[in-house]
Amino acid sequence: MGSQSKKSRLLPRRRRGQAMVEYSMVVYALALAGGVAIITVLPMLMRALNIYLNGLYYMINLATP
């Protein structure tokens, strides 16, 4: 048993809250990046939808039979 206690003293001890702090930092970074992506991509998607619908309504309103 003496060798096991000596071995356990050499290994670094992890603190209890370290995993939770790391998890919260990763989730925060992902949420922040997702928010920025939505803010920048959403106007482009809405503009593309608007162009598509304008073209669709133009085709529907043509006077050709």
C-alpha atoms as a PDB file:
ATOM      1  CA  MET A   1       0.000   0.000   0.000  1.00  0.00           C
ATOM      2  CA  GLY A   2       2.916   2.295   0.531  1.00  0.00           C
ATOM      3  CA  SER A   3       3.643   2.439  -3.197  1.00  0.00           C
ATOM      4  CA  GLN A   4       0.037   3.299  -4.042  1.00  0.00           C
ATOM      5  CA  SER A   5      -0.112   6.233  -1.671  1.00  0.00           C
ATOM      6  CA  LYS A   6       3.196   7.519  -3.026  1.00  0.00           C
ATOM      7  CA  LYS A   7       1.892   7.136  -6.585  1.00  0.00           C
ATOM      8  CA  SER A   8      -1.334   8.972  -5.781  1.00  0.00           C
ATOM      9  CA  ARG A   9       0.684  11.865  -4.362  1.00  0.00           C
ATOM     10  CA  LEU A  10       2.558  12.228  -7.654  1.00  0.00           C
ATOM     11  CA  LEU A  11      -0.573  12.434  -9.823  1.00  0.00           C
ATOM     12  CA  PRO A  12      -2.161  15.854 -10.233  1.00  0.00           C
ATOM     13  CA  ARG A  13      -5.438  16.220  -8.380  1.00  0.00           C
ATOM     14  CA  ARG A  14      -8.332  17.666 -10.315  1.00  0.00           C
ATOM     15  CA  ARG A  15     -10.640  20.061  -8.620  1.00  0.00           C
ATOM     16  CA  ARG A  16     -14.322  19.349  -8.444  1.00  0.00           C
ATOM     17  CA  GLY A  17     -15.639  22.343 -10.406  1.00  0.00           C
ATOM     18  CA  GLN A  18     -13.095  22.327 -13.219  1.00  0.00           C
ATOM     19  CA  ALA A  19     -15.207  20.273 -15.624  1.00  0.00           C
ATOM     20  CA  MET A  20     -18.266  22.439 -15.058  1.00  0.00           C
ATOM     21  CA  VAL A  21     -16.301  25.641 -15.658  1.00  0.00           C
ATOM     22  CA  GLU A  22     -14.828  24.244 -18.866  1.00  0.00           C
ATOM     23  CA  TYR A  23     -18.270  23.078 -20.012  1.00  0.00           C
ATOM     24  CA  SER A  24     -19.842  26.459 -19.336  1.00  0.00           C
ATOM     25  CA  MET A  25     -17.027  28.257 -21.194  1.00  0.00           C
ATOM     26  CA  VAL A  26     -17.455  26.021 -24.249  1.00  0.00           C
ATOM     27  CA  VAL A  27     -21.242  26.436 -24.252  1.00  0.00           C
ATOM     28  CA  TYR A  28     -20.887  30.222 -23.891  1.00  0.00           C
ATOM     29  CA  ALA A  29     -18.449  30.377 -26.819  1.00  0.00           C
ATOM     30  CA  LEU A  30     -20.751  28.267 -29.007  1.00  0.00           C
ATOM     31  CA  ALA A  31     -23.793  30.354 -28.094  1.00  0.00           C
ATOM     32  CA  LEU A  32     -21.942  33.581 -28.818  1.00  0.00           C
ATOM     33  CA  ALA A  33     -20.706  32.294 -32.186  1.00  0.00           C
ATOM     34  CA  GLY A  34     -24.198  31.050 -33.041  1.00  0.00           C
ATOM     35  CA  GLY A  35     -25.726  34.416 -32.207  1.00  0.00           C
ATOM     36  CA  VAL A  36     -23.240  36.252 -34.391  1.00  0.00           C
ATOM     37  CA  ALA A  37     -23.846  33.780 -37.234  1.00  0.00           C
ATOM     38  CA  ILE A  38     -27.621  34.229 -37.018  1.00  0.00           C
ATOM     39  CA  ILE A  39     -27.291  38.020 -37.025  1.00  0.00           C
ATOM     40  CA  THR A  40     -25.106  37.977 -40.136  1.00  0.00           C
ATOM     41  CA  VAL A  41     -26.760  35.149 -42.106  1.00  0.00           C
ATOM     42  CA  LEU A  42     -30.449  35.800 -41.410  1.00  0.00           C
ATOM     43  CA  PRO A  43     -30.695  39.056 -43.423  1.00  0.00           C
ATOM     44  CA  MET A  44     -29.102  37.319 -46.423  1.00  0.00           C
ATOM     45  CA  LEU A  45     -31.584  34.433 -46.171  1.00  0.00           C
ATOM     46  CA  MET A  46     -34.544  36.814 -45.908  1.00  0.00           C
ATOM     47  CA  ARG A  47     -33.323  38.782 -48.937  1.00  0.00           C
ATOM     48  CA  ALA A  48     -33.002  35.556 -50.943  1.00  0.00           C
ATOM     49  CA  LEU A  49     -36.533  34.533 -49.945  1.00  0.00           C
ATOM     50  CA  ASN A  50     -37.839  37.954 -50.948  1.00  0.00           C
ATOM     51  CA  ILE A  51     -36.181  37.730 -54.382  1.00  0.00           C
ATOM     52  CA  TYR A  52     -37.609  34.230 -54.884  1.00  0.00           C
ATOM     53  CA  LEU A  53     -41.135  35.276 -53.940  1.00  0.00           C
ATOM     54  CA  ASN A  54     -40.979  38.384 -56.146  1.00  0.00           C
ATOM     55  CA  GLY A  55     -40.027  36.201 -59.101  1.00  0.00           C
ATOM     56  CA  LEU A  56     -42.766  33.702 -58.278  1.00  0.00           C
ATOM     57  CA  TYR A  57     -45.462  36.378 -58.076  1.00  0.00           C
ATOM     58  CA  TYR A  58     -44.189  37.919 -61.309  1.00  0.00           C
ATOM     59  CA  MET A  59     -44.632  34.574 -63.078  1.00  0.00           C
ATOM     60  CA  ILE A  60     -48.108  34.094 -61.621  1.00  0.00           C
ATOM     61  CA  ASN A  61     -49.247  37.567 -62.794  1.00  0.00           C
ATOM     62  CA  LEU A  62     -48.074  37.176 -66.398  1.00  0.00           C
ATOM     63  CA  ALA A  63     -50.848  37.749 -68.926  1.00  0.00           C
ATOM     64  CA  THR A  64     -49.916  34.776 -71.103  1.00  0.00           C
ATOM     65  CA  PRO A  65     -52.426  31.912 -71.125  1.00  0.00           C
END
